[in-house]
Amino acid sequence: MSTPRNPELRVVSSSADAESRVTLRIDAERPVPAPPVSAEETRSQKHAAAERELDRLHQAATAERLALGQHMNWLIASQAVFIHAFLMVFVISSLGVVEPSHALLGGLALLGIVCALALHGSILRAARTLALLVVQRRAAEAELASFNGRTPNLPKEPSQISAWAGPLFVVVWLALLACSAAIRF
Protein backbone atom coordinates (compact mmCIF):
# COMPACT_ATOMS: atom_id res chain seq x y z
CA MET A 1 0.00 0.00 0.00
CA SER A 2 1.51 3.17 -1.09
CA THR A 3 0.65 6.54 0.18
CA PRO A 4 0.74 9.48 -2.17
CA ARG A 5 3.69 11.78 -1.61
CA ASN A 6 3.18 15.46 -1.24
CA PRO A 7 6.01 17.43 -2.93
CA GLU A 8 5.31 20.45 -0.78
CA LEU A 9 7.07 20.64 2.57
CA ARG A 10 4.85 21.77 5.39
CA VAL A 11 5.45 22.84 8.92
CA VAL A 12 2.49 21.89 11.03
CA SER A 13 1.83 23.56 14.32
CA SER A 14 0.90 21.59 17.39
CA SER A 15 -2.75 22.51 17.04
CA ALA A 16 -4.78 20.81 14.42
CA ASP A 17 -6.23 24.11 13.39
CA ALA A 18 -6.32 24.39 9.59
CA GLU A 19 -5.74 28.13 9.62
CA SER A 20 -2.48 27.85 11.50
CA ARG A 21 -0.77 25.73 8.83
CA VAL A 22 2.34 27.27 7.36
CA THR A 23 3.90 26.18 4.06
CA LEU A 24 7.67 25.93 3.88
CA ARG A 25 8.93 26.95 0.47
CA ILE A 26 12.48 26.23 -0.76
CA ASP A 27 13.72 28.94 -3.08
CA ALA A 28 16.69 27.71 -5.12
CA GLU A 29 17.04 30.86 -7.21
CA ARG A 30 18.24 33.04 -4.39
CA PRO A 31 21.73 32.19 -3.06
CA VAL A 32 22.09 31.69 0.64
CA PRO A 33 24.69 34.08 2.03
CA ALA A 34 27.67 32.50 3.71
CA PRO A 35 27.95 33.03 7.40
CA PRO A 36 30.39 35.78 8.35
CA VAL A 37 33.96 34.60 8.85
CA SER A 38 35.64 35.55 12.07
CA ALA A 39 39.10 37.10 12.19
CA GLU A 40 40.52 33.94 13.79
CA GLU A 41 39.12 31.76 10.99
CA THR A 42 40.56 34.12 8.37
CA ARG A 43 43.95 34.00 10.08
CA SER A 44 43.89 30.20 10.27
CA GLN A 45 42.89 29.95 6.59
CA LYS A 46 45.79 32.21 5.59
CA HIS A 47 48.15 30.21 7.79
CA ALA A 48 46.99 26.92 6.22
CA ALA A 49 47.36 28.39 2.71
CA ALA A 50 50.90 29.57 3.51
CA GLU A 51 51.80 26.11 4.85
CA ARG A 52 50.42 24.45 1.72
CA GLU A 53 52.40 26.83 -0.49
CA LEU A 54 55.57 26.18 1.51
CA ASP A 55 55.06 22.42 1.21
CA ARG A 56 54.49 22.72 -2.54
CA LEU A 57 57.63 24.81 -2.98
CA HIS A 58 59.65 22.44 -0.81
CA GLN A 59 58.55 19.44 -2.89
CA ALA A 60 59.33 21.26 -6.14
CA ALA A 61 62.76 22.34 -4.87
CA THR A 62 63.53 18.80 -3.74
CA ALA A 63 62.59 17.42 -7.15
CA GLU A 64 64.71 20.06 -8.87
CA ARG A 65 67.68 19.28 -6.59
CA LEU A 66 67.36 15.62 -7.54
CA ALA A 67 67.25 16.54 -11.24
CA LEU A 68 70.30 18.77 -10.83
CA GLY A 69 72.16 15.94 -9.09
CA GLN A 70 71.17 13.54 -11.84
CA HIS A 71 72.46 15.91 -14.53
CA MET A 72 75.74 16.32 -12.64
CA ASN A 73 76.06 12.53 -12.35
CA TRP A 74 75.50 12.14 -16.09
CA LEU A 75 78.09 14.82 -16.81
CA ILE A 76 80.72 13.24 -14.60
CA ALA A 77 80.00 9.70 -15.82
CA SER A 78 80.06 10.66 -19.49
CA GLN A 79 83.28 12.60 -19.11
CA ALA A 80 84.89 9.75 -17.21
CA VAL A 81 84.03 7.33 -20.04
CA PHE A 82 85.29 9.68 -22.77
CA ILE A 83 88.50 10.57 -20.91
CA HIS A 84 89.15 6.89 -20.23
CA ALA A 85 88.65 6.06 -23.93
CA PHE A 86 90.91 8.96 -24.93
CA LEU A 87 93.68 7.86 -22.58
CA MET A 88 93.39 4.22 -23.66
CA VAL A 89 93.75 5.17 -27.35
CA PHE A 90 96.63 7.50 -26.47
CA VAL A 91 98.51 4.88 -24.42
CA ILE A 92 97.97 2.10 -26.96
CA SER A 93 99.10 4.31 -29.84
CA SER A 94 102.15 5.55 -27.90
CA LEU A 95 103.24 1.95 -27.19
CA GLY A 96 103.48 1.36 -30.91
CA VAL A 97 100.85 -1.40 -30.94
CA VAL A 98 98.74 0.52 -33.46
CA GLU A 99 99.37 3.54 -35.62
CA PRO A 100 98.82 6.86 -33.83
CA SER A 101 95.33 8.03 -34.69
CA HIS A 102 95.12 11.79 -34.37
CA ALA A 103 91.66 11.76 -35.92
CA LEU A 104 90.36 9.28 -33.32
CA LEU A 105 91.86 11.28 -30.46
CA GLY A 106 90.46 14.52 -31.89
CA GLY A 107 87.06 12.91 -32.41
CA LEU A 108 86.93 11.62 -28.82
CA ALA A 109 87.94 15.04 -27.53
CA LEU A 110 85.34 16.78 -29.69
CA LEU A 111 82.64 14.33 -28.60
CA GLY A 112 83.63 14.90 -24.97
CA ILE A 113 83.46 18.67 -25.42
CA VAL A 114 80.06 18.55 -27.13
CA CYS A 115 78.70 16.21 -24.45
CA ALA A 116 80.06 18.42 -21.65
CA LEU A 117 78.54 21.56 -23.15
CA ALA A 118 75.16 19.90 -23.79
CA LEU A 119 74.93 18.56 -20.28
CA HIS A 120 76.19 21.86 -18.90
CA GLY A 121 73.23 23.60 -20.57
CA SER A 122 70.74 21.30 -18.87
CA ILE A 123 72.58 21.75 -15.56
CA LEU A 124 72.34 25.53 -15.88
CA ARG A 125 68.60 25.35 -16.60
CA ALA A 126 68.03 23.13 -13.57
CA ALA A 127 70.19 25.41 -11.39
CA ARG A 128 68.24 28.51 -12.49
CA THR A 129 64.94 26.81 -11.75
CA LEU A 130 66.22 25.70 -8.36
CA ALA A 131 67.41 29.23 -7.55
CA LEU A 132 63.97 30.63 -8.44
CA LEU A 133 62.27 28.02 -6.25
CA VAL A 134 64.60 28.86 -3.37
CA VAL A 135 63.68 32.56 -3.65
CA GLN A 136 59.97 31.72 -3.71
CA ARG A 137 60.39 29.35 -0.78
CA ARG A 138 62.16 32.07 1.21
CA ALA A 139 59.21 34.40 0.63
CA ALA A 140 56.72 31.72 1.70
CA GLU A 141 58.85 30.91 4.77
CA ALA A 142 58.96 34.60 5.73
CA GLU A 143 55.17 34.86 5.34
CA LEU A 144 54.65 31.78 7.48
CA ALA A 145 57.08 33.15 10.05
CA SER A 146 55.00 36.32 10.28
CA PHE A 147 51.98 34.21 11.27
CA ASN A 148 53.90 32.25 13.90
CA GLY A 149 56.07 35.09 15.16
CA ARG A 150 59.29 33.10 14.86
CA THR A 151 62.36 33.62 12.73
CA PRO A 152 62.23 31.87 9.37
CA ASN A 153 64.30 28.77 8.72
CA LEU A 154 65.51 29.85 5.32
CA PRO A 155 66.80 27.20 2.90
CA LYS A 156 70.42 27.14 1.88
CA GLU A 157 71.64 28.57 -1.38
CA PRO A 158 71.96 26.09 -4.25
CA SER A 159 75.45 24.84 -4.99
CA GLN A 160 77.59 26.91 -7.34
CA ILE A 161 79.62 23.90 -8.50
CA SER A 162 77.21 23.37 -11.36
CA ALA A 163 78.15 26.75 -12.85
CA TRP A 164 81.73 25.76 -13.62
CA ALA A 165 81.53 21.96 -14.09
CA GLY A 166 80.93 22.00 -17.86
CA PRO A 167 83.58 24.61 -18.71
CA LEU A 168 86.05 22.78 -16.47
CA PHE A 169 85.66 19.62 -18.56
CA VAL A 170 86.14 21.63 -21.76
CA VAL A 171 89.42 22.96 -20.34
CA VAL A 172 90.45 19.41 -19.38
CA TRP A 173 89.77 18.24 -22.94
CA LEU A 174 91.78 21.07 -24.43
CA ALA A 175 94.65 20.32 -22.04
CA LEU A 176 94.53 16.62 -22.95
CA LEU A 177 94.65 17.45 -26.65
CA ALA A 178 97.54 19.88 -26.15
CA CYS A 179 99.48 17.37 -24.05
CA SER A 180 98.90 14.54 -26.50
CA ALA A 181 100.02 16.74 -29.39
CA ALA A 182 103.11 17.92 -27.48
CA ILE A 183 104.14 14.39 -26.55
CA ARG A 184 103.75 13.10 -30.08
CA PHE A 185 106.16 15.60 -31.59
C-alpha atoms as a PDB file:
ATOM      1  CA  MET A   1       0.000   0.000   0.000  1.00  0.00           C
ATOM      2  CA  SER A   2       1.513   3.165  -1.091  1.00  0.00           C
ATOM      3  CA  THR A   3       0.651   6.535   0.176  1.00  0.00           C
ATOM      4  CA  PRO A   4       0.738   9.482  -2.171  1.00  0.00           C
ATOM      5  CA  ARG A   5       3.690  11.781  -1.611  1.00  0.00           C
ATOM      6  CA  ASN A   6       3.177  15.462  -1.241  1.00  0.00           C
ATOM      7  CA  PRO A   7       6.014  17.425  -2.928  1.00  0.00           C
ATOM      8  CA  GLU A   8       5.308  20.454  -0.784  1.00  0.00           C
ATOM      9  CA  LEU A   9       7.068  20.644   2.575  1.00  0.00           C
ATOM     10  CA  ARG A  10       4.850  21.767   5.387  1.00  0.00           C
ATOM     11  CA  VAL A  11       5.449  22.844   8.923  1.00  0.00           C
ATOM     12  CA  VAL A  12       2.493  21.894  11.027  1.00  0.00           C
ATOM     13  CA  SER A  13       1.827  23.558  14.316  1.00  0.00           C
ATOM     14  CA  SER A  14       0.896  21.590  17.385  1.00  0.00           C
ATOM     15  CA  SER A  15      -2.745  22.510  17.039  1.00  0.00           C
ATOM     16  CA  ALA A  16      -4.784  20.811  14.420  1.00  0.00           C
ATOM     17  CA  ASP A  17      -6.225  24.109  13.386  1.00  0.00           C
ATOM     18  CA  ALA A  18      -6.322  24.391   9.586  1.00  0.00           C
ATOM     19  CA  GLU A  19      -5.742  28.132   9.619  1.00  0.00           C
ATOM     20  CA  SER A  20      -2.484  27.847  11.502  1.00  0.00           C
ATOM     21  CA  ARG A  21      -0.775  25.734   8.830  1.00  0.00           C
ATOM     22  CA  VAL A  22       2.344  27.269   7.357  1.00  0.00           C
ATOM     23  CA  THR A  23       3.903  26.179   4.064  1.00  0.00           C
ATOM     24  CA  LEU A  24       7.675  25.928   3.879  1.00  0.00           C
ATOM     25  CA  ARG A  25       8.926  26.950   0.471  1.00  0.00           C
ATOM     26  CA  ILE A  26      12.476  26.232  -0.759  1.00  0.00           C
ATOM     27  CA  ASP A  27      13.720  28.942  -3.081  1.00  0.00           C
ATOM     28  CA  ALA A  28      16.693  27.713  -5.124  1.00  0.00           C
ATOM     29  CA  GLU A  29      17.043  30.856  -7.211  1.00  0.00           C
ATOM     30  CA  ARG A  30      18.241  33.039  -4.394  1.00  0.00           C
ATOM     31  CA  PRO A  31      21.732  32.192  -3.056  1.00  0.00           C
ATOM     32  CA  VAL A  32      22.087  31.694   0.635  1.00  0.00           C
ATOM     33  CA  PRO A  33      24.688  34.078   2.028  1.00  0.00           C
ATOM     34  CA  ALA A  34      27.669  32.499   3.708  1.00  0.00           C
ATOM     35  CA  PRO A  35      27.953  33.030   7.401  1.00  0.00           C
ATOM     36  CA  PRO A  36      30.387  35.777   8.351  1.00  0.00           C
ATOM     37  CA  VAL A  37      33.957  34.600   8.853  1.00  0.00           C
ATOM     38  CA  SER A  38      35.643  35.545  12.067  1.00  0.00           C
ATOM     39  CA  ALA A  39      39.101  37.095  12.195  1.00  0.00           C
ATOM     40  CA  GLU A  40      40.520  33.943  13.794  1.00  0.00           C
ATOM     41  CA  GLU A  41      39.121  31.759  10.993  1.00  0.00           C
ATOM     42  CA  THR A  42      40.562  34.123   8.374  1.00  0.00           C
ATOM     43  CA  ARG A  43      43.949  34.004  10.077  1.00  0.00           C
ATOM     44  CA  SER A  44      43.894  30.203  10.273  1.00  0.00           C
ATOM     45  CA  GLN A  45      42.894  29.949   6.595  1.00  0.00           C
ATOM     46  CA  LYS A  46      45.791  32.214   5.586  1.00  0.00           C
ATOM     47  CA  HIS A  47      48.152  30.207   7.788  1.00  0.00           C
ATOM     48  CA  ALA A  48      46.993  26.923   6.222  1.00  0.00           C
ATOM     49  CA  ALA A  49      47.358  28.386   2.710  1.00  0.00           C
ATOM     50  CA  ALA A  50      50.898  29.568   3.514  1.00  0.00           C
ATOM     51  CA  GLU A  51      51.804  26.110   4.851  1.00  0.00           C
ATOM     52  CA  ARG A  52      50.421  24.446   1.719  1.00  0.00           C
ATOM     53  CA  GLU A  53      52.403  26.825  -0.489  1.00  0.00           C
ATOM     54  CA  LEU A  54      55.567  26.181   1.514  1.00  0.00           C
ATOM     55  CA  ASP A  55      55.057  22.419   1.210  1.00  0.00           C
ATOM     56  CA  ARG A  56      54.486  22.722  -2.540  1.00  0.00           C
ATOM     57  CA  LEU A  57      57.630  24.812  -2.984  1.00  0.00           C
ATOM     58  CA  HIS A  58      59.647  22.440  -0.810  1.00  0.00           C
ATOM     59  CA  GLN A  59      58.550  19.441  -2.895  1.00  0.00           C
ATOM     60  CA  ALA A  60      59.327  21.260  -6.144  1.00  0.00           C
ATOM     61  CA  ALA A  61      62.762  22.345  -4.867  1.00  0.00           C
ATOM     62  CA  THR A  62      63.530  18.798  -3.740  1.00  0.00           C
ATOM     63  CA  ALA A  63      62.585  17.418  -7.153  1.00  0.00           C
ATOM     64  CA  GLU A  64      64.711  20.061  -8.866  1.00  0.00           C
ATOM     65  CA  ARG A  65      67.679  19.277  -6.588  1.00  0.00           C
ATOM     66  CA  LEU A  66      67.358  15.623  -7.536  1.00  0.00           C
ATOM     67  CA  ALA A  67      67.248  16.544 -11.237  1.00  0.00           C
ATOM     68  CA  LEU A  68      70.300  18.766 -10.835  1.00  0.00           C
ATOM     69  CA  GLY A  69      72.157  15.944  -9.095  1.00  0.00           C
ATOM     70  CA  GLN A  70      71.169  13.538 -11.838  1.00  0.00           C
ATOM     71  CA  HIS A  71      72.462  15.906 -14.530  1.00  0.00           C
ATOM     72  CA  MET A  72      75.738  16.316 -12.637  1.00  0.00           C
ATOM     73  CA  ASN A  73      76.057  12.525 -12.348  1.00  0.00           C
ATOM     74  CA  TRP A  74      75.495  12.144 -16.090  1.00  0.00           C
ATOM     75  CA  LEU A  75      78.094  14.820 -16.812  1.00  0.00           C
ATOM     76  CA  ILE A  76      80.718  13.238 -14.599  1.00  0.00           C
ATOM     77  CA  ALA A  77      79.998   9.701 -15.817  1.00  0.00           C
ATOM     78  CA  SER A  78      80.058  10.661 -19.494  1.00  0.00           C
ATOM     79  CA  GLN A  79      83.281  12.601 -19.113  1.00  0.00           C
ATOM     80  CA  ALA A  80      84.890   9.745 -17.207  1.00  0.00           C
ATOM     81  CA  VAL A  81      84.025   7.332 -20.037  1.00  0.00           C
ATOM     82  CA  PHE A  82      85.287   9.681 -22.769  1.00  0.00           C
ATOM     83  CA  ILE A  83      88.502  10.573 -20.911  1.00  0.00           C
ATOM     84  CA  HIS A  84      89.148   6.892 -20.229  1.00  0.00           C
ATOM     85  CA  ALA A  85      88.655   6.058 -23.930  1.00  0.00           C
ATOM     86  CA  PHE A  86      90.911   8.955 -24.927  1.00  0.00           C
ATOM     87  CA  LEU A  87      93.679   7.857 -22.576  1.00  0.00           C
ATOM     88  CA  MET A  88      93.391   4.219 -23.664  1.00  0.00           C
ATOM     89  CA  VAL A  89      93.755   5.175 -27.345  1.00  0.00           C
ATOM     90  CA  PHE A  90      96.632   7.503 -26.473  1.00  0.00           C
ATOM     91  CA  VAL A  91      98.510   4.877 -24.418  1.00  0.00           C
ATOM     92  CA  ILE A  92      97.974   2.102 -26.957  1.00  0.00           C
ATOM     93  CA  SER A  93      99.096   4.313 -29.838  1.00  0.00           C
ATOM     94  CA  SER A  94     102.148   5.555 -27.896  1.00  0.00           C
ATOM     95  CA  LEU A  95     103.236   1.954 -27.190  1.00  0.00           C
ATOM     96  CA  GLY A  96     103.484   1.360 -30.911  1.00  0.00           C
ATOM     97  CA  VAL A  97     100.846  -1.399 -30.944  1.00  0.00           C
ATOM     98  CA  VAL A  98      98.742   0.522 -33.455  1.00  0.00           C
ATOM     99  CA  GLU A  99      99.372   3.543 -35.619  1.00  0.00           C
ATOM    100  CA  PRO A 100      98.816   6.861 -33.834  1.00  0.00           C
ATOM    101  CA  SER A 101      95.330   8.033 -34.693  1.00  0.00           C
ATOM    102  CA  HIS A 102      95.124  11.791 -34.375  1.00  0.00           C
ATOM    103  CA  ALA A 103      91.656  11.758 -35.922  1.00  0.00           C
ATOM    104  CA  LEU A 104      90.364   9.283 -33.319  1.00  0.00           C
ATOM    105  CA  LEU A 105      91.855  11.284 -30.459  1.00  0.00           C
ATOM    106  CA  GLY A 106      90.457  14.518 -31.886  1.00  0.00           C
ATOM    107  CA  GLY A 107      87.058  12.905 -32.411  1.00  0.00           C
ATOM    108  CA  LEU A 108      86.934  11.616 -28.822  1.00  0.00           C
ATOM    109  CA  ALA A 109      87.937  15.042 -27.534  1.00  0.00           C
ATOM    110  CA  LEU A 110      85.336  16.776 -29.693  1.00  0.00           C
ATOM    111  CA  LEU A 111      82.642  14.331 -28.599  1.00  0.00           C
ATOM    112  CA  GLY A 112      83.629  14.896 -24.968  1.00  0.00           C
ATOM    113  CA  ILE A 113      83.461  18.666 -25.416  1.00  0.00           C
ATOM    114  CA  VAL A 114      80.062  18.546 -27.129  1.00  0.00           C
ATOM    115  CA  CYS A 115      78.695  16.215 -24.453  1.00  0.00           C
ATOM    116  CA  ALA A 116      80.061  18.424 -21.654  1.00  0.00           C
ATOM    117  CA  LEU A 117      78.536  21.564 -23.151  1.00  0.00           C
ATOM    118  CA  ALA A 118      75.159  19.904 -23.795  1.00  0.00           C
ATOM    119  CA  LEU A 119      74.929  18.557 -20.276  1.00  0.00           C
ATOM    120  CA  HIS A 120      76.188  21.859 -18.897  1.00  0.00           C
ATOM    121  CA  GLY A 121      73.233  23.599 -20.568  1.00  0.00           C
ATOM    122  CA  SER A 122      70.738  21.299 -18.869  1.00  0.00           C
ATOM    123  CA  ILE A 123      72.579  21.745 -15.558  1.00  0.00           C
ATOM    124  CA  LEU A 124      72.342  25.530 -15.880  1.00  0.00           C
ATOM    125  CA  ARG A 125      68.599  25.353 -16.599  1.00  0.00           C
ATOM    126  CA  ALA A 126      68.027  23.129 -13.567  1.00  0.00           C
ATOM    127  CA  ALA A 127      70.190  25.410 -11.392  1.00  0.00           C
ATOM    128  CA  ARG A 128      68.241  28.512 -12.491  1.00  0.00           C
ATOM    129  CA  THR A 129      64.940  26.813 -11.747  1.00  0.00           C
ATOM    130  CA  LEU A 130      66.219  25.702  -8.356  1.00  0.00           C
ATOM    131  CA  ALA A 131      67.410  29.231  -7.545  1.00  0.00           C
ATOM    132  CA  LEU A 132      63.970  30.625  -8.443  1.00  0.00           C
ATOM    133  CA  LEU A 133      62.267  28.021  -6.254  1.00  0.00           C
ATOM    134  CA  VAL A 134      64.600  28.864  -3.366  1.00  0.00           C
ATOM    135  CA  VAL A 135      63.680  32.560  -3.647  1.00  0.00           C
ATOM    136  CA  GLN A 136      59.965  31.716  -3.708  1.00  0.00           C
ATOM    137  CA  ARG A 137      60.395  29.352  -0.777  1.00  0.00           C
ATOM    138  CA  ARG A 138      62.158  32.068   1.213  1.00  0.00           C
ATOM    139  CA  ALA A 139      59.214  34.400   0.632  1.00  0.00           C
ATOM    140  CA  ALA A 140      56.723  31.717   1.704  1.00  0.00           C
ATOM    141  CA  GLU A 141      58.848  30.910   4.767  1.00  0.00           C
ATOM    142  CA  ALA A 142      58.959  34.599   5.726  1.00  0.00           C
ATOM    143  CA  GLU A 143      55.173  34.862   5.336  1.00  0.00           C
ATOM    144  CA  LEU A 144      54.653  31.784   7.479  1.00  0.00           C
ATOM    145  CA  ALA A 145      57.075  33.153  10.051  1.00  0.00           C
ATOM    146  CA  SER A 146      54.996  36.318  10.275  1.00  0.00           C
ATOM    147  CA  PHE A 147      51.982  34.208  11.269  1.00  0.00           C
ATOM    148  CA  ASN A 148      53.904  32.251  13.896  1.00  0.00           C
ATOM    149  CA  GLY A 149      56.069  35.091  15.158  1.00  0.00           C
ATOM    150  CA  ARG A 150      59.291  33.096  14.858  1.00  0.00           C
ATOM    151  CA  THR A 151      62.363  33.624  12.734  1.00  0.00           C
ATOM    152  CA  PRO A 152      62.229  31.871   9.367  1.00  0.00           C
ATOM    153  CA  ASN A 153      64.300  28.771   8.724  1.00  0.00           C
ATOM    154  CA  LEU A 154      65.513  29.854   5.315  1.00  0.00           C
ATOM    155  CA  PRO A 155      66.803  27.202   2.901  1.00  0.00           C
ATOM    156  CA  LYS A 156      70.422  27.145   1.882  1.00  0.00           C
ATOM    157  CA  GLU A 157      71.635  28.567  -1.382  1.00  0.00           C
ATOM    158  CA  PRO A 158      71.955  26.087  -4.253  1.00  0.00           C
ATOM    159  CA  SER A 159      75.448  24.841  -4.995  1.00  0.00           C
ATOM    160  CA  GLN A 160      77.586  26.908  -7.345  1.00  0.00           C
ATOM    161  CA  ILE A 161      79.625  23.904  -8.505  1.00  0.00           C
ATOM    162  CA  SER A 162      77.207  23.374 -11.357  1.00  0.00           C
ATOM    163  CA  ALA A 163      78.150  26.752 -12.852  1.00  0.00           C
ATOM    164  CA  TRP A 164      81.734  25.757 -13.621  1.00  0.00           C
ATOM    165  CA  ALA A 165      81.527  21.958 -14.087  1.00  0.00           C
ATOM    166  CA  GLY A 166      80.935  21.996 -17.863  1.00  0.00           C
ATOM    167  CA  PRO A 167      83.580  24.611 -18.713  1.00  0.00           C
ATOM    168  CA  LEU A 168      86.049  22.777 -16.466  1.00  0.00           C
ATOM    169  CA  PHE A 169      85.664  19.622 -18.555  1.00  0.00           C
ATOM    170  CA  VAL A 170      86.135  21.632 -21.762  1.00  0.00           C
ATOM    171  CA  VAL A 171      89.420  22.964 -20.342  1.00  0.00           C
ATOM    172  CA  VAL A 172      90.449  19.411 -19.379  1.00  0.00           C
ATOM    173  CA  TRP A 173      89.767  18.243 -22.942  1.00  0.00           C
ATOM    174  CA  LEU A 174      91.780  21.068 -24.429  1.00  0.00           C
ATOM    175  CA  ALA A 175      94.652  20.321 -22.037  1.00  0.00           C
ATOM    176  CA  LEU A 176      94.533  16.623 -22.947  1.00  0.00           C
ATOM    177  CA  LEU A 177      94.653  17.453 -26.649  1.00  0.00           C
ATOM    178  CA  ALA A 178      97.537  19.879 -26.150  1.00  0.00           C
ATOM    179  CA  CYS A 179      99.475  17.368 -24.049  1.00  0.00           C
ATOM    180  CA  SER A 180      98.902  14.536 -26.498  1.00  0.00           C
ATOM    181  CA  ALA A 181     100.019  16.738 -29.395  1.00  0.00           C
ATOM    182  CA  ALA A 182     103.107  17.924 -27.484  1.00  0.00           C
ATOM    183  CA  ILE A 183     104.139  14.387 -26.546  1.00  0.00           C
ATOM    184  CA  ARG A 184     103.746  13.105 -30.078  1.00  0.00           C
ATOM    185  CA  PHE A 185     106.157  15.601 -31.594  1.00  0.00           C
END
